[in-house]
Amino acid sequence: QVQLVESGGGLVQAGGSLRLSCAASGRTFVSYATAWFRQAPGKERECVAVISWRNNIYYTDSVKGRFTISRDNAKNTVYLQMNSLKPEDTAVYYCAAQRDSGRYYFDPLKYDYWGQGTQVTVSS
């Protein structure tokens, strides 16, 4: 019903920046929450940032002050601005969306729609 298309991943040196984009198409809905997850090799999928349909924003502690999640409703696009990147940020990054439940934002099982993933590699 909803398709998510990601872009913006790549290779960057430590201390650099990237901006990831996730554009939604299909039967999109207004009252959605969107999140960015990441998964490093051998690690569990981790929620990085969430923006609810009311624009409440949540970050995991390791990215606070460095990453910013935002959306452009007119373009049906959610962004993740990543600054001061560290090698430990290296992972496949996924965007995901759900009809906003009002809770459990960090649980990947609550998300109905997923992007294909984009690789972010941070070198030292």
Protein backbone atom coordinates (compact mmCIF):
# COMPACT_ATOMS: atom_id res chain seq x y z
CA GLN A 1 0.00 0.00 0.00
CA VAL A 2 2.84 2.36 0.84
CA GLN A 3 6.27 2.33 -0.72
CA LEU A 4 9.31 3.96 0.83
CA VAL A 5 12.30 4.90 -1.28
CA GLU A 6 15.53 5.88 0.41
CA SER A 7 18.51 7.83 -0.81
CA GLY A 8 21.54 9.62 0.53
CA GLY A 9 23.74 6.87 1.91
CA GLY A 10 27.40 6.61 1.12
CA LEU A 11 30.94 6.76 2.40
CA VAL A 12 32.04 9.64 4.59
CA GLN A 13 35.00 10.38 6.83
CA ALA A 14 34.63 10.64 10.58
CA GLY A 15 33.33 14.06 11.51
CA GLY A 16 31.50 14.45 8.23
CA SER A 17 27.81 14.68 7.43
CA LEU A 18 25.18 12.93 5.37
CA ARG A 19 21.49 13.51 4.85
CA LEU A 20 19.26 10.53 4.26
CA SER A 21 15.91 10.92 2.53
CA CYS A 22 12.88 8.65 2.54
CA ALA A 23 10.11 9.42 0.08
CA ALA A 24 6.71 7.77 0.48
CA SER A 25 4.29 6.92 -2.31
CA GLY A 26 1.13 4.88 -2.75
CA ARG A 27 -1.68 4.95 -0.22
CA THR A 28 -0.04 7.24 2.24
CA PHE A 29 -1.85 8.31 5.37
CA VAL A 30 -1.69 11.51 7.35
CA SER A 31 -1.49 10.23 10.91
CA TYR A 32 1.73 8.30 10.63
CA ALA A 33 4.91 8.04 12.59
CA THR A 34 8.18 7.61 10.76
CA ALA A 35 11.43 6.27 12.12
CA TRP A 36 14.98 5.60 11.09
CA PHE A 37 16.52 2.31 12.12
CA ARG A 38 20.02 1.02 11.58
CA GLN A 39 21.62 -2.38 11.62
CA ALA A 40 25.33 -3.01 11.80
CA PRO A 41 26.84 -6.41 10.95
CA GLY A 42 26.19 -8.86 13.74
CA LYS A 43 24.02 -6.38 15.64
CA GLU A 44 20.32 -6.09 16.32
CA ARG A 45 18.29 -3.56 14.42
CA GLU A 46 18.30 -0.35 16.44
CA CYS A 47 15.90 2.55 16.35
CA VAL A 48 17.80 5.78 15.80
CA ALA A 49 15.14 8.48 15.58
CA VAL A 50 11.36 8.82 15.45
CA ILE A 51 9.02 11.60 14.40
CA SER A 52 5.37 11.12 15.29
CA TRP A 53 2.45 12.47 13.32
CA ARG A 54 2.19 15.25 15.89
CA ASN A 55 5.87 16.02 15.31
CA ASN A 56 7.06 14.66 18.61
CA ILE A 57 10.67 13.62 18.15
CA TYR A 58 12.73 10.98 19.90
CA TYR A 59 16.36 9.93 19.52
CA THR A 60 18.45 7.14 20.86
CA ASP A 61 21.07 8.45 23.27
CA SER A 62 24.04 7.71 21.05
CA VAL A 63 22.91 10.15 18.34
CA LYS A 64 21.44 12.98 20.41
CA GLY A 65 22.96 16.29 19.44
CA ARG A 66 24.31 14.88 16.18
CA PHE A 67 21.31 13.60 14.21
CA THR A 68 18.12 15.44 13.31
CA ILE A 69 14.95 13.86 11.98
CA SER A 70 12.48 16.02 10.07
CA ARG A 71 9.74 15.77 7.47
CA ASP A 72 8.39 17.68 4.53
CA ASN A 73 4.71 16.82 4.35
CA ALA A 74 4.27 18.44 0.96
CA LYS A 75 6.83 16.04 -0.49
CA ASN A 76 5.88 13.03 1.66
CA THR A 77 9.52 12.82 2.60
CA VAL A 78 11.31 12.25 5.88
CA TYR A 79 14.94 13.17 6.39
CA LEU A 80 17.72 12.20 8.72
CA GLN A 81 20.48 14.77 8.92
CA MET A 82 23.57 13.12 10.34
CA ASN A 83 26.41 15.33 11.55
CA SER A 84 29.65 14.58 13.37
CA LEU A 85 29.56 11.04 12.11
CA LYS A 86 31.57 8.39 13.90
CA PRO A 87 32.81 5.01 12.69
CA GLU A 88 30.35 3.34 15.05
CA ASP A 89 27.53 4.92 13.04
CA THR A 90 28.41 2.58 10.17
CA ALA A 91 25.34 0.49 9.37
CA VAL A 92 22.56 -0.10 6.92
CA TYR A 93 19.95 2.55 7.61
CA TYR A 94 16.25 1.89 7.06
CA CYS A 95 13.27 4.17 7.14
CA ALA A 96 9.98 2.81 8.39
CA ALA A 97 6.43 4.07 8.86
CA GLN A 98 3.38 3.11 10.86
CA ARG A 99 -0.07 4.41 11.55
CA ASP A 100 0.78 6.29 14.69
CA SER A 101 0.04 4.13 17.71
CA GLY A 102 1.01 6.82 20.19
CA ARG A 103 3.49 4.45 21.81
CA TYR A 104 6.13 1.79 21.18
CA TYR A 105 7.94 3.99 18.71
CA PHE A 106 11.24 2.17 19.16
CA ASP A 107 9.85 -1.29 18.40
CA PRO A 108 10.52 -2.32 14.80
CA LEU A 109 7.64 -4.80 14.91
CA LYS A 110 5.21 -1.89 15.13
CA TYR A 111 6.20 -0.55 11.73
CA ASP A 112 4.24 -1.62 8.69
CA TYR A 113 6.26 -0.15 5.86
CA TRP A 114 9.99 -0.25 5.29
CA GLY A 115 12.47 1.14 2.85
CA GLN A 116 15.06 -1.01 1.16
CA GLY A 117 17.93 0.20 3.31
CA THR A 118 20.89 2.37 2.43
CA GLN A 119 24.49 1.79 3.46
CA VAL A 120 26.26 4.40 5.54
CA THR A 121 29.97 3.85 6.04
CA VAL A 122 32.06 6.16 8.21
CA SER A 123 35.83 5.86 7.94
CA SER A 124 38.39 7.03 10.47
